[in-house]
Amino acid sequence: MNIIPLGDRLLHKSFIKVRMNNQDFLIQQQVISHVDDGIQKINKIHLILENEPIENIDSLTINGVGEIKGRYKKQENILHVLI
């Protein structure tokens, strides 16, 4: 009920729970996930944020999500977390 498939992407209408860098995150908003071979192999998530994340040397802090540890790169207004 929460997931609508869109080819190699999934629209999570209400929430998604993901594990990144051995941390669990519950994101309670619409999210598009990009998958490789089925629903369990997510390689990218797309979030639309109301507020800019706080950029730290080794992490990003996203309001309502938490601190995501790891490296990231920035391209214009898009942040890519490298896991």
Protein backbone atom coordinates (compact mmCIF):
# COMPACT_ATOMS: atom_id res chain seq x y z
CA MET A 1 0.00 0.00 0.00
CA ASN A 2 2.89 2.37 0.72
CA ILE A 3 4.96 1.47 -2.40
CA ILE A 4 4.21 2.19 -6.05
CA PRO A 5 6.66 0.61 -8.55
CA LEU A 6 7.99 2.86 -11.33
CA GLY A 7 10.38 0.62 -13.33
CA ASP A 8 13.72 0.60 -11.51
CA ARG A 9 12.35 3.11 -8.98
CA LEU A 10 9.88 2.82 -6.14
CA LEU A 11 7.71 5.61 -4.80
CA HIS A 12 7.30 5.25 -1.04
CA LYS A 13 4.18 7.34 -0.41
CA SER A 14 4.45 7.73 3.35
CA PHE A 15 7.77 6.44 4.69
CA ILE A 16 10.82 4.27 4.18
CA LYS A 17 13.15 2.60 6.65
CA VAL A 18 16.70 2.19 5.35
CA ARG A 19 20.05 1.09 6.72
CA MET A 20 23.10 3.15 5.72
CA ASN A 21 26.57 2.73 7.18
CA ASN A 22 25.21 0.39 9.88
CA GLN A 23 22.62 2.97 11.00
CA ASP A 24 18.84 2.65 10.62
CA PHE A 25 16.85 5.65 9.43
CA LEU A 26 13.09 6.06 9.38
CA ILE A 27 12.20 8.74 6.84
CA GLN A 28 8.58 9.75 7.24
CA GLN A 29 7.87 11.53 3.98
CA GLN A 30 7.55 10.66 0.30
CA VAL A 31 10.76 9.11 -1.02
CA ILE A 32 11.79 7.73 -4.39
CA SER A 33 14.22 4.83 -4.11
CA HIS A 34 16.28 3.51 -7.01
CA VAL A 35 16.69 -0.25 -6.90
CA ASP A 36 18.96 -2.83 -8.54
CA ASP A 37 17.51 -6.29 -8.26
CA GLY A 38 14.33 -6.13 -6.24
CA ILE A 39 13.08 -4.04 -3.36
CA GLN A 40 15.94 -4.96 -0.97
CA LYS A 41 18.80 -3.59 -3.12
CA ILE A 42 18.39 0.18 -2.95
CA ASN A 43 21.29 2.09 -4.49
CA LYS A 44 19.93 5.63 -4.19
CA ILE A 45 17.15 7.52 -2.43
CA HIS A 46 15.72 10.82 -3.56
CA LEU A 47 14.43 13.21 -0.88
CA ILE A 48 12.79 16.58 -1.35
CA LEU A 49 13.79 18.68 1.66
CA GLU A 50 12.17 21.83 3.00
CA ASN A 51 15.37 22.90 4.80
CA GLU A 52 18.98 22.64 3.69
CA PRO A 53 20.90 19.85 5.45
CA ILE A 54 23.74 20.82 7.74
CA GLU A 55 27.02 19.87 6.10
CA ASN A 56 29.75 18.56 8.39
CA ILE A 57 33.20 17.27 7.48
CA ASP A 58 32.19 13.60 7.75
CA SER A 59 28.37 13.69 7.78
CA LEU A 60 25.12 15.40 6.82
CA THR A 61 22.43 16.27 9.33
CA ILE A 62 18.96 16.25 7.79
CA ASN A 63 16.04 17.69 9.74
CA GLY A 64 13.57 14.91 10.56
CA VAL A 65 16.00 12.16 9.46
CA GLY A 66 19.12 12.52 11.58
CA GLU A 67 22.87 12.49 11.06
CA ILE A 68 24.10 10.40 8.15
CA LYS A 69 27.77 9.61 8.60
CA GLY A 70 30.00 9.22 5.58
CA ARG A 71 31.49 11.21 2.77
CA TYR A 72 29.38 13.14 0.33
CA LYS A 73 29.82 15.22 -2.79
CA LYS A 74 27.83 18.25 -3.84
CA GLN A 75 26.63 19.08 -7.36
CA GLU A 76 24.66 22.33 -7.48
CA ASN A 77 21.74 21.72 -5.07
CA ILE A 78 22.12 17.91 -5.04
CA LEU A 79 24.04 16.06 -2.33
CA HIS A 80 25.30 12.53 -2.98
CA VAL A 81 26.16 10.53 0.14
CA LEU A 82 28.88 8.01 -0.66
CA ILE A 83 28.34 4.78 1.22
